[in-house]
Amino acid sequence: MKRVVFLTVAALFAASMVFAQAGSIGLFADPMGTNCNLPDPGPGLTMYYAVHVNTPGATACAYWAPKPTCFTAMYLSDTNPFPVTVGNSQIGVSIGYGLCKASPIHVSTINFFTNGATPNCCYYPVVGMPTSGQIEVVDCANNLIFGTGGKGIIKALPHCQCNVPAEDTTWGQVKSLYGE
């Protein structure tokens, strides 16, 4: 029993290290990935930045950021700083960085025509590619690894913040996931 629990914990730790290396791709109000509270200021062009954060190094990524149903804006286009880009944020996009880069990596700008009518606390997540269900990252050693998706919040309020850490849990709750 102790060996099973130890192996489970070791596997979870190893998996978390892989995800930590791959980092996360999220939507931000700035190209440095520091503000995940997304504006909807009123009629006009509004840009959201897809930024690859928390990775020591990567050479490419693939993700999907479809416009959520709560967002009342019209998608216009993506602007990509890297020339090797296939697809767009609304159907799934693959982006090659050209060389090994450490985070934060501004991978794309998603352009919308906003109208200011989006309800408060509209969550805008980055999710896995439609083909694989994963956020795919190529590390600097050319390995395909899987990242996590961040979420921006359009018109955030104090009760709906995007910077809230993962939900707290206890060791007993983790053990209950694996039975005896």
C-alpha atoms as a PDB file:
ATOM      1  CA  MET A   1       0.000   0.000   0.000  1.00  0.00           C
ATOM      2  CA  LYS A   2       2.744   2.467   0.935  1.00  0.00           C
ATOM      3  CA  ARG A   3       4.609   1.624  -2.261  1.00  0.00           C
ATOM      4  CA  VAL A   4       1.492   2.368  -4.377  1.00  0.00           C
ATOM      5  CA  VAL A   5       0.994   5.724  -2.654  1.00  0.00           C
ATOM      6  CA  PHE A   6       4.701   6.560  -3.080  1.00  0.00           C
ATOM      7  CA  LEU A   7       4.640   5.630  -6.778  1.00  0.00           C
ATOM      8  CA  THR A   8       1.485   7.662  -7.279  1.00  0.00           C
ATOM      9  CA  VAL A   9       3.027  10.702  -5.609  1.00  0.00           C
ATOM     10  CA  ALA A  10       6.243  10.234  -7.631  1.00  0.00           C
ATOM     11  CA  ALA A  11       4.243  10.018 -10.861  1.00  0.00           C
ATOM     12  CA  LEU A  12       2.273  13.156  -9.973  1.00  0.00           C
ATOM     13  CA  PHE A  13       5.492  15.005  -9.155  1.00  0.00           C
ATOM     14  CA  ALA A  14       7.119  13.904 -12.423  1.00  0.00           C
ATOM     15  CA  ALA A  15       4.038  14.945 -14.389  1.00  0.00           C
ATOM     16  CA  SER A  16       3.975  18.321 -12.658  1.00  0.00           C
ATOM     17  CA  MET A  17       7.646  18.847 -13.555  1.00  0.00           C
ATOM     18  CA  VAL A  18       6.869  18.176 -17.252  1.00  0.00           C
ATOM     19  CA  PHE A  19       3.978  20.647 -17.150  1.00  0.00           C
ATOM     20  CA  ALA A  20       6.215  23.136 -15.326  1.00  0.00           C
ATOM     21  CA  GLN A  21       8.785  22.903 -18.134  1.00  0.00           C
ATOM     22  CA  ALA A  22       6.104  23.354 -20.787  1.00  0.00           C
ATOM     23  CA  GLY A  23       4.624  26.358 -19.033  1.00  0.00           C
ATOM     24  CA  SER A  24       1.237  27.846 -19.663  1.00  0.00           C
ATOM     25  CA  ILE A  25      -0.357  29.822 -22.469  1.00  0.00           C
ATOM     26  CA  GLY A  26      -2.890  32.395 -21.394  1.00  0.00           C
ATOM     27  CA  LEU A  27      -4.612  35.572 -22.514  1.00  0.00           C
ATOM     28  CA  PHE A  28      -3.472  38.876 -21.115  1.00  0.00           C
ATOM     29  CA  ALA A  29      -4.103  42.597 -21.485  1.00  0.00           C
ATOM     30  CA  ASP A  30      -0.370  43.139 -22.110  1.00  0.00           C
ATOM     31  CA  PRO A  31       2.262  41.382 -24.257  1.00  0.00           C
ATOM     32  CA  MET A  32       4.451  40.604 -21.214  1.00  0.00           C
ATOM     33  CA  GLY A  33       1.764  38.409 -19.639  1.00  0.00           C
ATOM     34  CA  THR A  34       1.377  40.341 -16.391  1.00  0.00           C
ATOM     35  CA  ASN A  35      -2.314  41.381 -16.448  1.00  0.00           C
ATOM     36  CA  CYS A  36      -4.966  38.715 -17.055  1.00  0.00           C
ATOM     37  CA  ASN A  37      -7.878  41.125 -16.459  1.00  0.00           C
ATOM     38  CA  LEU A  38      -9.106  41.724 -20.005  1.00  0.00           C
ATOM     39  CA  PRO A  39     -10.879  44.962 -20.960  1.00  0.00           C
ATOM     40  CA  ASP A  40     -14.068  45.418 -22.985  1.00  0.00           C
ATOM     41  CA  PRO A  41     -13.880  49.209 -23.147  1.00  0.00           C
ATOM     42  CA  GLY A  42     -16.628  49.982 -25.627  1.00  0.00           C
ATOM     43  CA  PRO A  43     -16.905  50.266 -29.397  1.00  0.00           C
ATOM     44  CA  GLY A  44     -13.555  49.822 -31.086  1.00  0.00           C
ATOM     45  CA  LEU A  45     -10.533  47.606 -31.641  1.00  0.00           C
ATOM     46  CA  THR A  46      -9.437  45.661 -28.566  1.00  0.00           C
ATOM     47  CA  MET A  47      -6.357  43.449 -28.520  1.00  0.00           C
ATOM     48  CA  TYR A  48      -5.730  40.477 -26.241  1.00  0.00           C
ATOM     49  CA  TYR A  49      -2.271  38.951 -26.056  1.00  0.00           C
ATOM     50  CA  ALA A  50      -1.593  35.213 -26.032  1.00  0.00           C
ATOM     51  CA  VAL A  51       1.565  34.812 -23.955  1.00  0.00           C
ATOM     52  CA  HIS A  52       3.562  31.667 -23.164  1.00  0.00           C
ATOM     53  CA  VAL A  53       4.603  31.995 -19.513  1.00  0.00           C
ATOM     54  CA  ASN A  54       6.457  29.915 -16.911  1.00  0.00           C
ATOM     55  CA  THR A  55       8.729  28.001 -19.267  1.00  0.00           C
ATOM     56  CA  PRO A  56      12.521  27.922 -19.084  1.00  0.00           C
ATOM     57  CA  GLY A  57      12.603  27.480 -22.851  1.00  0.00           C
ATOM     58  CA  ALA A  58      10.481  26.469 -25.821  1.00  0.00           C
ATOM     59  CA  THR A  59      10.685  26.561 -29.607  1.00  0.00           C
ATOM     60  CA  ALA A  60       7.005  26.178 -30.572  1.00  0.00           C
ATOM     61  CA  CYS A  61       3.470  25.908 -29.259  1.00  0.00           C
ATOM     62  CA  ALA A  62      -0.018  24.941 -30.388  1.00  0.00           C
ATOM     63  CA  TYR A  63      -3.238  26.006 -28.665  1.00  0.00           C
ATOM     64  CA  TRP A  64      -6.857  27.011 -29.221  1.00  0.00           C
ATOM     65  CA  ALA A  65      -8.536  30.139 -27.838  1.00  0.00           C
ATOM     66  CA  PRO A  66     -12.067  30.232 -29.258  1.00  0.00           C
ATOM     67  CA  LYS A  67     -14.158  33.275 -28.360  1.00  0.00           C
ATOM     68  CA  PRO A  68     -16.366  32.367 -25.385  1.00  0.00           C
ATOM     69  CA  THR A  69     -20.132  32.687 -25.774  1.00  0.00           C
ATOM     70  CA  CYS A  70     -20.325  35.318 -23.008  1.00  0.00           C
ATOM     71  CA  PHE A  71     -18.022  37.654 -24.979  1.00  0.00           C
ATOM     72  CA  THR A  72     -20.154  39.998 -27.117  1.00  0.00           C
ATOM     73  CA  ALA A  73     -17.293  41.102 -29.389  1.00  0.00           C
ATOM     74  CA  MET A  74     -16.619  40.204 -33.027  1.00  0.00           C
ATOM     75  CA  TYR A  75     -13.411  38.310 -33.828  1.00  0.00           C
ATOM     76  CA  LEU A  76     -11.364  40.139 -36.475  1.00  0.00           C
ATOM     77  CA  SER A  77      -7.953  38.475 -36.825  1.00  0.00           C
ATOM     78  CA  ASP A  78      -4.757  37.298 -35.196  1.00  0.00           C
ATOM     79  CA  THR A  79      -1.476  39.130 -35.563  1.00  0.00           C
ATOM     80  CA  ASN A  80       1.528  36.878 -35.092  1.00  0.00           C
ATOM     81  CA  PRO A  81       5.048  38.064 -34.327  1.00  0.00           C
ATOM     82  CA  PHE A  82       6.509  34.796 -35.663  1.00  0.00           C
ATOM     83  CA  PRO A  83       6.442  34.071 -39.419  1.00  0.00           C
ATOM     84  CA  VAL A  84       5.889  30.309 -39.032  1.00  0.00           C
ATOM     85  CA  THR A  85       2.234  30.219 -37.983  1.00  0.00           C
ATOM     86  CA  VAL A  86      -0.467  27.815 -39.145  1.00  0.00           C
ATOM     87  CA  GLY A  87      -4.125  28.445 -38.309  1.00  0.00           C
ATOM     88  CA  ASN A  88      -5.563  31.038 -35.955  1.00  0.00           C
ATOM     89  CA  SER A  89      -6.804  31.282 -32.391  1.00  0.00           C
ATOM     90  CA  GLN A  90     -10.395  30.471 -33.349  1.00  0.00           C
ATOM     91  CA  ILE A  91      -9.685  27.134 -35.067  1.00  0.00           C
ATOM     92  CA  GLY A  92      -6.400  26.149 -33.409  1.00  0.00           C
ATOM     93  CA  VAL A  93      -2.980  27.619 -34.097  1.00  0.00           C
ATOM     94  CA  SER A  94       0.561  26.252 -34.254  1.00  0.00           C
ATOM     95  CA  ILE A  95       3.429  28.722 -33.897  1.00  0.00           C
ATOM     96  CA  GLY A  96       7.162  28.132 -34.379  1.00  0.00           C
ATOM     97  CA  TYR A  97       9.390  30.570 -32.489  1.00  0.00           C
ATOM     98  CA  GLY A  98      12.424  30.055 -34.709  1.00  0.00           C
ATOM     99  CA  LEU A  99      14.789  29.431 -31.788  1.00  0.00           C
ATOM    100  CA  CYS A 100      14.726  28.543 -28.117  1.00  0.00           C
ATOM    101  CA  LYS A 101      13.050  31.311 -26.103  1.00  0.00           C
ATOM    102  CA  ALA A 102      12.402  31.689 -22.378  1.00  0.00           C
ATOM    103  CA  SER A 103       9.162  33.122 -21.065  1.00  0.00           C
ATOM    104  CA  PRO A 104       7.378  35.406 -21.309  1.00  0.00           C
ATOM    105  CA  ILE A 105       6.911  34.795 -25.026  1.00  0.00           C
ATOM    106  CA  HIS A 106       4.274  36.913 -26.781  1.00  0.00           C
ATOM    107  CA  VAL A 107       3.003  34.373 -29.326  1.00  0.00           C
ATOM    108  CA  SER A 108      -0.013  36.124 -30.828  1.00  0.00           C
ATOM    109  CA  THR A 109      -2.311  39.129 -30.616  1.00  0.00           C
ATOM    110  CA  ILE A 110      -6.015  38.386 -30.969  1.00  0.00           C
ATOM    111  CA  ASN A 111      -7.939  41.339 -32.384  1.00  0.00           C
ATOM    112  CA  PHE A 112     -11.628  41.926 -31.612  1.00  0.00           C
ATOM    113  CA  PHE A 113     -14.159  44.623 -32.285  1.00  0.00           C
ATOM    114  CA  THR A 114     -15.639  45.132 -28.830  1.00  0.00           C
ATOM    115  CA  ASN A 115     -18.834  46.931 -27.901  1.00  0.00           C
ATOM    116  CA  GLY A 116     -18.617  47.156 -24.101  1.00  0.00           C
ATOM    117  CA  ALA A 117     -21.660  44.915 -23.569  1.00  0.00           C
ATOM    118  CA  THR A 118     -19.877  41.794 -22.293  1.00  0.00           C
ATOM    119  CA  PRO A 119     -21.197  40.788 -18.861  1.00  0.00           C
ATOM    120  CA  ASN A 120     -18.846  40.998 -15.899  1.00  0.00           C
ATOM    121  CA  CYS A 121     -16.645  37.974 -15.160  1.00  0.00           C
ATOM    122  CA  CYS A 122     -16.614  36.469 -18.659  1.00  0.00           C
ATOM    123  CA  TYR A 123     -13.902  33.794 -18.513  1.00  0.00           C
ATOM    124  CA  TYR A 124     -11.763  33.427 -21.644  1.00  0.00           C
ATOM    125  CA  PRO A 125      -9.683  30.233 -21.389  1.00  0.00           C
ATOM    126  CA  VAL A 126      -6.933  28.918 -23.617  1.00  0.00           C
ATOM    127  CA  VAL A 127      -7.563  25.236 -24.277  1.00  0.00           C
ATOM    128  CA  GLY A 128      -5.947  22.289 -26.028  1.00  0.00           C
ATOM    129  CA  MET A 129      -5.871  21.893 -29.772  1.00  0.00           C
ATOM    130  CA  PRO A 130      -9.085  20.513 -31.298  1.00  0.00           C
ATOM    131  CA  THR A 131      -7.096  17.640 -32.823  1.00  0.00           C
ATOM    132  CA  SER A 132      -5.290  16.446 -29.681  1.00  0.00           C
ATOM    133  CA  GLY A 133      -7.096  18.093 -26.774  1.00  0.00           C
ATOM    134  CA  GLN A 134      -3.681  19.250 -25.494  1.00  0.00           C
ATOM    135  CA  ILE A 135      -1.744  22.486 -25.383  1.00  0.00           C
ATOM    136  CA  GLU A 136       1.344  21.347 -27.211  1.00  0.00           C
ATOM    137  CA  VAL A 137       4.825  22.749 -26.596  1.00  0.00           C
ATOM    138  CA  VAL A 138       8.140  21.837 -28.178  1.00  0.00           C
ATOM    139  CA  ASP A 139      10.953  22.300 -25.688  1.00  0.00           C
ATOM    140  CA  CYS A 140      14.497  23.354 -26.541  1.00  0.00           C
ATOM    141  CA  ALA A 141      15.605  19.713 -26.886  1.00  0.00           C
ATOM    142  CA  ASN A 142      12.905  19.145 -29.549  1.00  0.00           C
ATOM    143  CA  ASN A 143      10.611  17.118 -27.263  1.00  0.00           C
ATOM    144  CA  LEU A 144       6.844  17.428 -27.558  1.00  0.00           C
ATOM    145  CA  ILE A 145       5.498  18.166 -24.075  1.00  0.00           C
ATOM    146  CA  PHE A 146       2.125  19.401 -22.875  1.00  0.00           C
ATOM    147  CA  GLY A 147       1.417  22.730 -21.255  1.00  0.00           C
ATOM    148  CA  THR A 148      -1.501  24.161 -19.384  1.00  0.00           C
ATOM    149  CA  GLY A 149      -3.994  26.795 -20.391  1.00  0.00           C
ATOM    150  CA  GLY A 150      -4.501  30.012 -18.542  1.00  0.00           C
ATOM    151  CA  LYS A 151      -7.629  32.078 -18.551  1.00  0.00           C
ATOM    152  CA  GLY A 152      -8.181  35.765 -18.788  1.00  0.00           C
ATOM    153  CA  ILE A 153     -11.301  37.365 -17.391  1.00  0.00           C
ATOM    154  CA  ILE A 154     -13.150  40.001 -19.342  1.00  0.00           C
ATOM    155  CA  LYS A 155     -14.459  42.760 -17.053  1.00  0.00           C
ATOM    156  CA  ALA A 156     -13.163  41.137 -13.864  1.00  0.00           C
ATOM    157  CA  LEU A 157     -14.625  41.993 -10.473  1.00  0.00           C
ATOM    158  CA  PRO A 158     -13.168  41.217  -7.027  1.00  0.00           C
ATOM    159  CA  HIS A 159     -15.038  37.892  -6.831  1.00  0.00           C
ATOM    160  CA  CYS A 160     -13.817  36.683 -10.237  1.00  0.00           C
ATOM    161  CA  GLN A 161     -10.073  37.178 -10.430  1.00  0.00           C
ATOM    162  CA  CYS A 162      -7.798  35.400 -12.874  1.00  0.00           C
ATOM    163  CA  ASN A 163      -4.780  35.465 -10.543  1.00  0.00           C
ATOM    164  CA  VAL A 164      -6.365  33.115  -7.994  1.00  0.00           C
ATOM    165  CA  PRO A 165      -4.166  30.042  -7.382  1.00  0.00           C
ATOM    166  CA  ALA A 166      -5.415  26.495  -7.809  1.00  0.00           C
ATOM    167  CA  GLU A 167      -7.933  25.259  -5.284  1.00  0.00           C
ATOM    168  CA  ASP A 168      -6.437  24.102  -1.985  1.00  0.00           C
ATOM    169  CA  THR A 169      -6.608  20.410  -1.179  1.00  0.00           C
ATOM    170  CA  THR A 170      -5.501  18.055   1.549  1.00  0.00           C
ATOM    171  CA  TRP A 171      -3.411  14.884   1.490  1.00  0.00           C
ATOM    172  CA  GLY A 172      -6.560  12.931   2.394  1.00  0.00           C
ATOM    173  CA  GLN A 173      -8.372  14.319  -0.650  1.00  0.00           C
ATOM    174  CA  VAL A 174      -5.452  13.333  -2.909  1.00  0.00           C
ATOM    175  CA  LYS A 175      -5.359   9.798  -1.414  1.00  0.00           C
ATOM    176  CA  SER A 176      -9.122   9.409  -1.912  1.00  0.00           C
ATOM    177  CA  LEU A 177      -8.651   9.854  -5.664  1.00  0.00           C
ATOM    178  CA  TYR A 178      -6.705   6.591  -5.845  1.00  0.00           C
ATOM    179  CA  GLY A 179      -8.606   4.306  -3.447  1.00  0.00           C
ATOM    180  CA  GLU A 180      -6.934   1.662  -1.349  1.00  0.00           C
END
